[in-house]
Amino acid sequence: MITREMMNEMNVTELAQLFKSYKEELDLLKASTSAVQKEFDILRKEVLPEKMEETGFDNVKVTGVGRISLRAEMYASIKADHKEQAYEWLVSEGHEDLIKPTVNASTLKAFCKEQISEGVELPDEFFSVTPFTMATLTKT
């Protein structure tokens, strides 16, 4: 582990090389995590439930592992082209408390950057904006 103090002793070329090394390591970890996640999802959503159902188990205790149980789950979303109608239905059925207006984080960030670059002052009581400078790496 390289400390901040050690980094402060490096020149820009050494820091750039360290930056690239960390970026490559993070990219490998992300790819590895993604691959393991896919295998884990196949195991937990397909193979293990199928095997447990075949053998008639809805839960099983395995020494050294713990209890494995089956649980009903689902994905749910509102179809983009029917959002208004879905909201109207929720309201008419008394479920308006499910409807929460939100602002996408990336959209808000872009908006704030644009407003600040145009000299518009954003109200501190509504927005928390913390500018910072970050290095980026572009493959050559």
Protein backbone atom coordinates (compact mmCIF):
# COMPACT_ATOMS: atom_id res chain seq x y z
CA MET A 1 0.00 0.00 0.00
CA ILE A 2 1.34 3.35 -1.00
CA THR A 3 0.58 6.17 1.41
CA ARG A 4 -0.28 9.74 0.48
CA GLU A 5 3.06 10.81 1.90
CA MET A 6 4.85 8.38 -0.43
CA MET A 7 2.82 9.71 -3.36
CA ASN A 8 3.75 13.29 -2.43
CA GLU A 9 7.41 12.32 -2.89
CA MET A 10 6.84 11.08 -6.46
CA ASN A 11 7.18 13.17 -9.61
CA VAL A 12 4.37 13.55 -12.15
CA THR A 13 5.70 10.75 -14.40
CA GLU A 14 5.86 8.31 -11.47
CA LEU A 15 2.36 9.36 -10.36
CA ALA A 16 1.04 8.90 -13.89
CA GLN A 17 2.53 5.40 -14.03
CA LEU A 18 0.98 4.58 -10.62
CA PHE A 19 -2.33 6.03 -11.83
CA LYS A 20 -2.29 3.78 -14.89
CA SER A 21 -1.38 0.76 -12.77
CA TYR A 22 -4.26 1.38 -10.35
CA LYS A 23 -6.68 1.97 -13.24
CA GLU A 24 -5.68 -1.31 -14.89
CA GLU A 25 -6.02 -3.17 -11.57
CA LEU A 26 -9.48 -1.67 -10.98
CA ASP A 27 -10.56 -2.59 -14.52
CA LEU A 28 -9.45 -6.21 -13.91
CA LEU A 29 -11.27 -6.32 -10.57
CA LYS A 30 -14.46 -4.95 -12.16
CA ALA A 31 -14.30 -7.55 -14.94
CA SER A 32 -13.66 -10.29 -12.40
CA THR A 33 -16.50 -9.07 -10.17
CA SER A 34 -18.84 -8.98 -13.15
CA ALA A 35 -17.94 -12.54 -14.17
CA VAL A 36 -18.33 -13.86 -10.62
CA GLN A 37 -21.66 -12.02 -10.27
CA LYS A 38 -22.97 -13.68 -13.45
CA GLU A 39 -21.96 -17.14 -12.21
CA PHE A 40 -23.39 -16.42 -8.74
CA ASP A 41 -26.71 -15.30 -10.29
CA ILE A 42 -26.92 -18.47 -12.41
CA LEU A 43 -26.26 -20.55 -9.29
CA ARG A 44 -28.73 -18.73 -7.01
CA LYS A 45 -31.50 -18.07 -9.55
CA GLU A 46 -31.38 -21.18 -11.71
CA VAL A 47 -29.21 -24.18 -10.85
CA LEU A 48 -29.60 -24.37 -7.05
CA PRO A 49 -33.38 -23.69 -7.04
CA GLU A 50 -33.89 -26.29 -9.81
CA LYS A 51 -31.80 -28.87 -7.93
CA MET A 52 -33.59 -28.18 -4.63
CA GLU A 53 -37.01 -28.44 -6.29
CA GLU A 54 -35.95 -31.71 -8.00
CA THR A 55 -35.03 -33.16 -4.63
CA GLY A 56 -38.09 -31.75 -2.86
CA PHE A 57 -36.28 -29.28 -0.61
CA ASP A 58 -37.46 -25.72 -0.02
CA ASN A 59 -34.69 -25.26 2.53
CA VAL A 60 -31.67 -27.29 3.56
CA LYS A 61 -29.00 -26.95 6.24
CA VAL A 62 -25.49 -27.71 5.03
CA THR A 63 -22.70 -28.19 7.56
CA GLY A 64 -20.03 -25.54 7.13
CA VAL A 65 -22.31 -23.47 4.89
CA GLY A 66 -25.53 -22.71 6.71
CA ARG A 67 -29.20 -22.82 5.71
CA ILE A 68 -30.10 -22.45 2.05
CA SER A 69 -33.74 -21.51 1.46
CA LEU A 70 -35.82 -20.79 -1.62
CA ARG A 71 -37.62 -17.46 -1.71
CA ALA A 72 -39.98 -16.08 -4.32
CA GLU A 73 -38.66 -12.84 -5.86
CA MET A 74 -39.43 -10.71 -8.90
CA TYR A 75 -38.25 -7.80 -10.98
CA ALA A 76 -40.76 -4.99 -11.41
CA SER A 77 -40.73 -1.74 -13.35
CA ILE A 78 -43.12 0.58 -15.10
CA LYS A 79 -42.99 0.34 -18.88
CA ALA A 80 -41.50 3.60 -20.14
CA ASP A 81 -44.16 4.20 -22.77
CA HIS A 82 -46.97 3.78 -20.20
CA LYS A 83 -45.55 5.72 -17.25
CA GLU A 84 -48.34 8.33 -17.18
CA GLN A 85 -51.09 5.71 -17.34
CA ALA A 86 -49.39 3.61 -14.67
CA TYR A 87 -49.17 6.65 -12.36
CA GLU A 88 -52.84 7.44 -13.01
CA TRP A 89 -53.78 3.84 -12.20
CA LEU A 90 -51.73 3.89 -8.98
CA VAL A 91 -53.45 7.12 -7.89
CA SER A 92 -56.93 5.82 -8.79
CA GLU A 93 -56.28 2.64 -6.80
CA GLY A 94 -55.09 4.60 -3.73
CA HIS A 95 -51.36 3.91 -4.11
CA GLU A 96 -50.18 7.46 -4.82
CA ASP A 97 -47.67 7.13 -1.95
CA LEU A 98 -45.58 4.93 -4.29
CA ILE A 99 -45.05 7.85 -6.66
CA LYS A 100 -41.97 9.84 -5.71
CA PRO A 101 -40.57 12.54 -7.96
CA THR A 102 -36.84 12.07 -8.38
CA VAL A 103 -34.02 13.71 -10.25
CA ASN A 104 -31.40 11.47 -11.81
CA ALA A 105 -27.98 12.10 -10.21
CA SER A 106 -26.14 12.37 -13.54
CA THR A 107 -28.73 14.77 -14.91
CA LEU A 108 -28.50 16.94 -11.80
CA LYS A 109 -24.70 16.99 -12.00
CA ALA A 110 -24.82 18.06 -15.67
CA PHE A 111 -27.40 20.74 -14.85
CA CYS A 112 -25.29 22.12 -11.98
CA LYS A 113 -22.13 22.16 -14.12
CA GLU A 114 -23.98 24.02 -16.84
CA GLN A 115 -25.50 26.57 -14.46
CA ILE A 116 -22.18 27.25 -12.72
CA SER A 117 -20.37 27.61 -16.06
CA GLU A 118 -23.00 30.20 -17.05
CA GLY A 119 -22.45 32.10 -13.80
CA VAL A 120 -25.78 31.14 -12.25
CA GLU A 121 -25.63 30.85 -8.47
CA LEU A 122 -27.45 27.78 -7.17
CA PRO A 123 -29.31 28.17 -3.85
CA ASP A 124 -27.24 26.56 -1.09
CA GLU A 125 -30.38 25.57 0.80
CA PHE A 126 -31.46 23.29 -2.08
CA PHE A 127 -28.24 22.00 -3.60
CA SER A 128 -25.00 20.62 -2.29
CA VAL A 129 -22.31 21.14 -4.91
CA THR A 130 -18.73 20.13 -4.23
CA PRO A 131 -16.40 20.84 -7.13
CA PHE A 132 -13.13 18.95 -7.36
CA THR A 133 -10.40 18.25 -9.88
CA MET A 134 -9.81 14.67 -10.95
CA ALA A 135 -7.22 13.09 -13.22
CA THR A 136 -8.46 10.87 -16.03
CA LEU A 137 -6.73 8.32 -18.22
CA THR A 138 -7.33 8.00 -21.92
CA LYS A 139 -5.88 4.95 -23.65
CA THR A 140 -3.44 5.81 -26.44
